[in-house]
């Protein structure tokens, strides 16, 4: 029994534990925790200062998730949970986003002259190519977002996950004439090697981690690295509207309050504010109206902020001197 207990820290240490104890030393519970080993702790108030382009302090970007789902199989957000497959109600509710909601949002983005980071399932290119044509005509950035949101990549074997990344990337690259540089996993799903696979596939940044208001360098295997750009889970209509059952007015108020607070905070540290949207949610008329008001208030401060894309934030961050972006 004693030998088994003593061996536990050694097994954990080989998996990346911070400071595992030896067999003759009592383990420190605060140090014997498994770690992702991607980045170190860094207090945002103690970092070197920097500014975004033109001396701006707050970078704001909109991330629009374009997602396609299998009919009668796999994962999918639910308006009314618990129905049997084929789940016509929830499938059709989500499909509204690709048929109606996205076009209402394109009109809104055009009206406000807002650039967008389009987080696209690669199956969108087959299902509704007209949607991607419209964003291409606008000059928007396309971010890899898996093949479909009916699956999670984090549960796949490394070989299967690598194939998923390659398939999605190739489809986007052929359609857009250039491969995407950013990635968000379907359902924010990662395996233990996802950052490594993304870096090796040529990706420059990922969006899955919501632990900071500034970009952070992630370590990858063989001495590599990939940038993590802040992507919101609070200012995100899925957790807000589907998870917490917030109204469209409540979600829009969150955006407005976060903007005013982060604009004030950015006097001390340059920050990133992302807004994550899904057409089948905020493309609904009763949610689109309050969203319009919230975004109008943001673009009215255009001269005070950097309205941009996730890719532009990543590109600028890569130009900063080592030590500015935390690791």
Protein backbone atom coordinates (compact mmCIF):
# COMPACT_ATOMS: atom_id res chain seq x y z
CA UNK A 1 0.00 0.00 0.00
CA UNK A 2 2.81 2.45 0.89
CA UNK A 3 4.61 1.77 -2.39
CA UNK A 4 1.41 2.46 -4.33
CA UNK A 5 0.84 5.78 -2.55
CA UNK A 6 4.44 6.87 -3.07
CA UNK A 7 4.27 6.06 -6.78
CA UNK A 8 1.32 8.36 -7.47
CA UNK A 9 3.31 11.64 -7.65
CA UNK A 10 5.87 10.02 -9.96
CA UNK A 11 3.19 8.95 -12.43
CA UNK A 12 1.58 12.38 -12.28
CA UNK A 13 4.92 14.15 -12.70
CA UNK A 14 5.53 12.36 -15.97
CA UNK A 15 2.19 13.78 -17.16
CA UNK A 16 3.11 17.37 -16.41
CA UNK A 17 2.42 17.96 -12.70
CA UNK A 18 3.88 21.14 -11.26
CA UNK A 19 6.34 20.13 -8.57
CA UNK A 20 5.34 16.53 -7.85
CA UNK A 21 6.68 15.15 -4.54
CA UNK A 22 9.20 12.31 -4.13
CA UNK A 23 8.40 9.10 -2.29
CA UNK A 24 10.14 10.43 0.86
CA UNK A 25 8.40 13.80 0.83
CA UNK A 26 4.75 14.49 1.64
CA UNK A 27 3.02 15.95 -1.43
CA UNK A 28 2.03 19.61 -1.35
CA UNK A 29 -1.61 19.70 -2.54
CA UNK A 30 -1.11 23.21 -3.93
CA UNK A 31 1.77 22.02 -6.14
CA UNK A 32 0.74 18.48 -7.07
CA UNK A 33 -1.97 19.50 -9.54
CA UNK A 34 -2.01 18.51 -13.16
CA UNK A 35 -1.11 21.41 -15.43
CA UNK A 36 -1.71 22.10 -19.10
CA UNK A 37 1.87 23.50 -19.27
CA UNK A 38 0.81 25.96 -21.99
CA UNK A 39 1.28 29.27 -20.14
CA UNK A 40 2.38 30.59 -16.74
CA UNK A 41 0.37 32.71 -14.35
CA UNK A 42 0.57 36.44 -15.11
CA UNK A 43 -1.34 39.21 -13.31
CA UNK A 44 -2.72 41.62 -15.89
CA UNK A 45 -1.89 44.61 -13.67
CA UNK A 46 1.83 43.71 -13.61
CA UNK A 47 2.58 43.38 -17.31
CA UNK A 48 4.50 45.74 -19.59
CA UNK A 49 2.23 48.32 -21.16
CA UNK A 50 1.56 48.63 -24.89
CA UNK A 51 -0.97 50.26 -27.19
CA UNK A 52 -2.92 49.00 -30.16
CA UNK A 53 -2.53 50.71 -33.57
CA UNK A 54 -2.92 54.51 -33.56
CA UNK A 55 -2.46 54.51 -29.79
CA UNK A 56 -5.83 52.89 -29.16
CA UNK A 57 -6.28 51.05 -25.87
CA UNK A 58 -9.35 48.87 -26.44
CA UNK A 59 -9.61 46.43 -29.35
CA UNK A 60 -13.16 45.31 -30.15
CA UNK A 61 -14.06 42.48 -32.52
CA UNK A 62 -17.20 40.57 -33.45
CA UNK A 63 -16.97 36.78 -33.88
CA UNK A 64 -19.85 35.35 -35.89
CA UNK A 65 -20.25 31.58 -35.61
CA UNK A 66 -21.57 29.99 -38.82
CA UNK A 67 -22.50 26.43 -37.97
CA UNK A 68 -24.09 23.50 -39.75
CA UNK A 69 -25.57 20.45 -38.06
CA UNK A 70 -26.40 16.88 -38.99
CA UNK A 71 -30.10 16.08 -39.16
CA UNK A 72 -31.14 13.47 -36.62
CA UNK A 73 -27.65 12.83 -35.26
CA UNK A 74 -24.90 14.42 -33.18
CA UNK A 75 -24.70 17.54 -31.05
CA UNK A 76 -26.59 20.81 -31.30
CA UNK A 77 -27.92 23.64 -29.13
CA UNK A 78 -31.54 23.16 -28.13
CA UNK A 79 -34.38 25.63 -27.81
CA UNK A 80 -36.57 22.90 -26.31
CA UNK A 81 -34.34 20.15 -24.83
CA UNK A 82 -35.13 16.48 -24.64
CA UNK A 83 -36.81 15.72 -27.94
CA UNK A 84 -36.17 12.41 -29.71
CA UNK A 85 -34.21 12.15 -32.95
CA UNK A 86 -34.88 13.23 -35.59
CA UNK A 87 -35.33 16.46 -33.62
CA UNK A 88 -37.14 18.58 -36.19
CA UNK A 89 -37.87 21.49 -33.84
CA UNK A 90 -34.29 22.17 -32.77
CA UNK A 91 -32.74 21.38 -36.14
CA UNK A 92 -35.07 23.84 -37.88
CA UNK A 93 -34.50 26.46 -35.17
CA UNK A 94 -30.74 26.31 -35.79
CA UNK A 95 -31.22 26.25 -39.56
CA UNK A 96 -33.10 29.55 -39.33
CA UNK A 97 -29.72 31.13 -38.66
CA UNK A 98 -28.31 30.10 -42.04
CA UNK A 99 -31.48 30.87 -44.01
CA UNK A 100 -32.62 34.12 -42.37
CA UNK A 101 -30.67 35.28 -39.33
CA UNK A 102 -27.28 35.56 -41.00
CA UNK A 103 -28.67 37.80 -43.74
CA UNK A 104 -30.21 40.15 -41.18
CA UNK A 105 -26.85 40.31 -39.45
CA UNK A 106 -24.99 41.02 -42.69
CA UNK A 107 -27.33 43.97 -43.24
CA UNK A 108 -26.57 45.18 -39.72
CA UNK A 109 -22.80 44.82 -40.15
CA UNK A 110 -22.98 46.69 -43.45
CA UNK A 111 -25.06 49.44 -41.86
CA UNK A 112 -22.54 49.88 -39.04
CA UNK A 113 -19.45 49.28 -41.21
CA UNK A 114 -18.36 46.52 -38.83
CA UNK A 115 -15.71 44.00 -39.88
CA UNK A 116 -16.36 40.45 -38.69
CA UNK A 117 -14.34 37.35 -37.87
CA UNK A 118 -16.42 34.55 -39.42
CA UNK A 119 -15.98 31.30 -37.47
CA UNK A 120 -17.12 28.81 -40.09
CA UNK A 121 -17.78 25.09 -40.02
CA UNK A 122 -16.32 23.82 -43.29
CA UNK A 123 -19.62 22.06 -44.12
CA UNK A 124 -21.16 25.54 -44.53
CA UNK A 125 -19.31 25.80 -47.86
CA UNK A 126 -21.30 22.86 -49.18
CA UNK A 127 -24.63 23.56 -47.51
CA UNK A 128 -25.02 27.31 -48.10
CA UNK A 129 -22.10 28.65 -50.16
CA UNK A 130 -24.00 31.89 -50.82
CA UNK A 131 -23.45 32.85 -47.20
CA UNK A 132 -19.68 32.54 -47.50
CA UNK A 133 -19.80 34.39 -50.83
CA UNK A 134 -21.42 37.32 -49.04
CA UNK A 135 -18.75 37.50 -46.35
CA UNK A 136 -16.01 37.11 -48.95
CA UNK A 137 -17.45 40.09 -50.83
CA UNK A 138 -17.27 42.09 -47.59
CA UNK A 139 -13.62 41.16 -47.10
CA UNK A 140 -14.20 39.52 -43.73
CA UNK A 141 -11.74 37.16 -42.05
CA UNK A 142 -12.59 33.44 -42.01
CA UNK A 143 -11.55 31.44 -38.95
CA UNK A 144 -11.47 27.63 -38.89
CA UNK A 145 -14.25 26.15 -36.76
CA UNK A 146 -14.12 22.43 -37.49
CA UNK A 147 -16.23 20.48 -39.96
CA UNK A 148 -19.57 20.69 -38.16
CA UNK A 149 -20.84 21.56 -34.71
CA UNK A 150 -22.46 18.16 -34.56
CA UNK A 151 -19.10 16.82 -33.30
CA UNK A 152 -16.41 17.63 -30.74
CA UNK A 153 -12.77 17.37 -31.72
CA UNK A 154 -11.47 16.88 -28.19
CA UNK A 155 -12.77 13.31 -27.95
CA UNK A 156 -10.96 12.14 -31.09
CA UNK A 157 -7.66 10.29 -31.28
CA UNK A 158 -4.68 12.45 -32.30
CA UNK A 159 -4.77 11.02 -35.83
CA UNK A 160 -8.51 11.61 -36.15
CA UNK A 161 -8.20 15.14 -34.78
CA UNK A 162 -5.36 15.92 -37.17
CA UNK A 163 -7.53 14.71 -40.03
CA UNK A 164 -10.43 16.91 -38.87
CA UNK A 165 -8.17 19.97 -38.81
CA UNK A 166 -6.71 19.14 -42.23
CA UNK A 167 -10.11 18.56 -43.84
CA UNK A 168 -11.65 21.77 -42.51
CA UNK A 169 -8.56 23.81 -43.33
CA UNK A 170 -8.30 22.49 -46.89
CA UNK A 171 -11.95 23.27 -47.68
CA UNK A 172 -11.62 26.84 -46.41
CA UNK A 173 -8.28 27.30 -48.13
CA UNK A 174 -9.57 26.18 -51.52
CA UNK A 175 -12.68 28.36 -51.30
CA UNK A 176 -11.00 31.49 -49.96
CA UNK A 177 -7.70 31.27 -51.79
CA UNK A 178 -5.78 31.26 -48.51
CA UNK A 179 -5.74 29.02 -45.48
CA UNK A 180 -7.20 30.35 -42.22
CA UNK A 181 -4.76 31.50 -39.56
CA UNK A 182 -7.12 31.24 -36.59
CA UNK A 183 -9.12 28.37 -35.10
CA UNK A 184 -11.98 27.85 -32.66
CA UNK A 185 -12.84 24.25 -31.90
CA UNK A 186 -16.47 23.21 -32.32
CA UNK A 187 -18.03 23.45 -28.86
CA UNK A 188 -14.75 24.96 -27.55
CA UNK A 189 -13.45 21.40 -27.54
CA UNK A 190 -9.75 20.58 -27.29
CA UNK A 191 -7.73 17.47 -26.64
CA UNK A 192 -4.42 17.49 -24.80
CA UNK A 193 -2.60 18.02 -28.12
CA UNK A 194 -4.89 20.44 -29.97
CA UNK A 195 -2.59 23.50 -29.69
CA UNK A 196 0.30 21.36 -30.97
CA UNK A 197 -1.70 20.09 -33.95
CA UNK A 198 -2.89 23.59 -34.82
CA UNK A 199 0.61 25.07 -34.70
CA UNK A 200 1.94 22.22 -36.84
CA UNK A 201 -0.87 22.81 -39.36
CA UNK A 202 0.24 26.43 -39.78
CA UNK A 203 -2.27 28.14 -37.51
CA UNK A 204 -1.07 31.31 -35.81
CA UNK A 205 -3.74 31.72 -33.16
CA UNK A 206 -6.57 29.97 -31.35
CA UNK A 207 -9.68 31.30 -29.62
CA UNK A 208 -10.73 28.49 -27.28
CA UNK A 209 -9.37 29.84 -23.99
CA UNK A 210 -11.23 32.65 -22.19
CA UNK A 211 -8.81 33.17 -19.31
CA UNK A 212 -7.53 36.67 -20.18
CA UNK A 213 -8.35 40.08 -21.66
CA UNK A 214 -5.03 40.23 -23.54
CA UNK A 215 -3.40 37.81 -26.00
CA UNK A 216 -1.19 35.13 -24.44
CA UNK A 217 1.49 32.92 -25.99
CA UNK A 218 0.87 29.18 -25.61
CA UNK A 219 3.81 26.80 -25.61
CA UNK A 220 3.55 23.90 -28.05
CA UNK A 221 5.67 20.80 -28.41
CA UNK A 222 9.16 20.85 -29.90
CA UNK A 223 9.71 24.43 -28.76
CA UNK A 224 6.88 25.95 -30.78
CA UNK A 225 4.19 28.39 -29.78
CA UNK A 226 0.76 29.62 -30.82
CA UNK A 227 -1.07 32.77 -29.78
CA UNK A 228 -4.27 32.68 -27.74
CA UNK A 229 -6.57 35.60 -28.60
CA UNK A 230 -9.31 36.36 -26.04
CA UNK A 231 -12.68 34.95 -27.03
CA UNK A 232 -15.65 35.57 -24.73
CA UNK A 233 -17.77 33.08 -22.87
CA UNK A 234 -19.66 35.84 -21.02
CA UNK A 235 -20.35 38.12 -24.00
CA UNK A 236 -21.45 35.06 -25.94
CA UNK A 237 -25.07 34.46 -26.87
CA UNK A 238 -24.92 30.68 -26.37
CA UNK A 239 -24.06 30.70 -22.63
CA UNK A 240 -26.19 33.81 -22.11
CA UNK A 241 -29.37 33.02 -24.02
CA UNK A 242 -29.31 29.22 -24.18
CA UNK A 243 -27.48 28.53 -20.92
CA UNK A 244 -28.76 31.23 -18.56
CA UNK A 245 -32.02 31.97 -20.42
CA UNK A 246 -31.19 35.69 -20.69
CA UNK A 247 -33.42 37.82 -22.88
CA UNK A 248 -32.14 39.69 -25.92
CA UNK A 249 -32.35 42.89 -23.87
CA UNK A 250 -30.25 41.37 -21.09
CA UNK A 251 -27.61 40.14 -23.52
CA UNK A 252 -27.42 43.54 -25.22
CA UNK A 253 -27.14 45.24 -21.82
CA UNK A 254 -24.22 42.96 -20.97
CA UNK A 255 -22.46 44.07 -24.16
CA UNK A 256 -23.08 47.75 -23.42
CA UNK A 257 -21.96 47.50 -19.78
CA UNK A 258 -18.87 45.47 -20.63
CA UNK A 259 -17.89 47.99 -23.30
CA UNK A 260 -18.13 50.99 -20.98
CA UNK A 261 -16.27 49.21 -18.19
CA UNK A 262 -13.51 47.85 -20.42
CA UNK A 263 -13.07 51.22 -22.10
CA UNK A 264 -12.41 52.72 -18.67
CA UNK A 265 -10.13 49.83 -17.64
CA UNK A 266 -8.12 50.14 -20.84
CA UNK A 267 -6.63 53.39 -19.60
CA UNK A 268 -4.39 51.17 -17.46
CA UNK A 269 -3.93 48.13 -19.73
CA UNK A 270 -4.70 47.70 -23.41
CA UNK A 271 -7.49 45.14 -23.66
CA UNK A 272 -9.42 42.94 -26.08
CA UNK A 273 -13.22 42.84 -26.06
CA UNK A 274 -14.76 40.10 -28.17
CA UNK A 275 -18.48 39.64 -28.87
CA UNK A 276 -19.52 36.11 -29.88
CA UNK A 277 -22.72 35.73 -31.89
CA UNK A 278 -24.75 32.96 -33.54
CA UNK A 279 -27.26 33.83 -36.30
CA UNK A 280 -29.94 31.43 -35.06
CA UNK A 281 -29.96 33.34 -31.75
CA UNK A 282 -29.31 37.04 -32.33
CA UNK A 283 -30.66 36.87 -35.88
CA UNK A 284 -34.13 36.46 -34.40
CA UNK A 285 -36.02 39.78 -34.77
CA UNK A 286 -36.70 40.28 -31.06
CA UNK A 287 -32.99 39.88 -30.26
CA UNK A 288 -31.67 41.73 -33.30
CA UNK A 289 -33.24 45.03 -32.24
CA UNK A 290 -31.45 45.31 -28.85
CA UNK A 291 -28.22 43.98 -30.39
CA UNK A 292 -28.39 46.77 -32.97
CA UNK A 293 -28.63 49.37 -30.20
CA UNK A 294 -25.66 47.90 -28.33
CA UNK A 295 -23.47 47.79 -31.44
CA UNK A 296 -24.53 51.30 -32.47
CA UNK A 297 -23.27 52.59 -29.13
CA UNK A 298 -19.92 50.89 -29.71
CA UNK A 299 -19.37 52.16 -33.25
CA UNK A 300 -20.29 55.66 -32.07
CA UNK A 301 -16.98 55.53 -30.16
CA UNK A 302 -15.05 54.41 -33.23
CA UNK A 303 -12.50 57.20 -32.85
CA UNK A 304 -11.66 56.02 -29.32
CA UNK A 305 -11.28 52.28 -29.96
CA UNK A 306 -9.80 49.84 -32.46
CA UNK A 307 -12.67 48.05 -34.22
CA UNK A 308 -10.95 45.09 -35.81
CA UNK A 309 -10.88 41.30 -36.24
CA UNK A 310 -9.37 38.49 -34.21
CA UNK A 311 -6.82 37.95 -36.97
CA UNK A 312 -5.68 41.57 -36.92
CA UNK A 313 -5.31 41.41 -33.15
CA UNK A 314 -3.15 38.31 -33.51
CA UNK A 315 -1.08 39.83 -36.32
CA UNK A 316 -0.36 43.00 -34.35
CA UNK A 317 0.44 41.04 -31.18
CA UNK A 318 3.04 39.03 -33.05
CA UNK A 319 4.91 42.27 -33.84
CA UNK A 320 5.31 43.22 -30.18
CA UNK A 321 8.67 42.71 -28.53
CA UNK A 322 9.23 39.51 -26.58
CA UNK A 323 8.08 39.97 -23.01
CA UNK A 324 5.14 42.20 -23.89
CA UNK A 325 2.70 39.37 -24.61
CA UNK A 326 2.66 37.03 -21.59
CA UNK A 327 3.76 33.42 -21.96
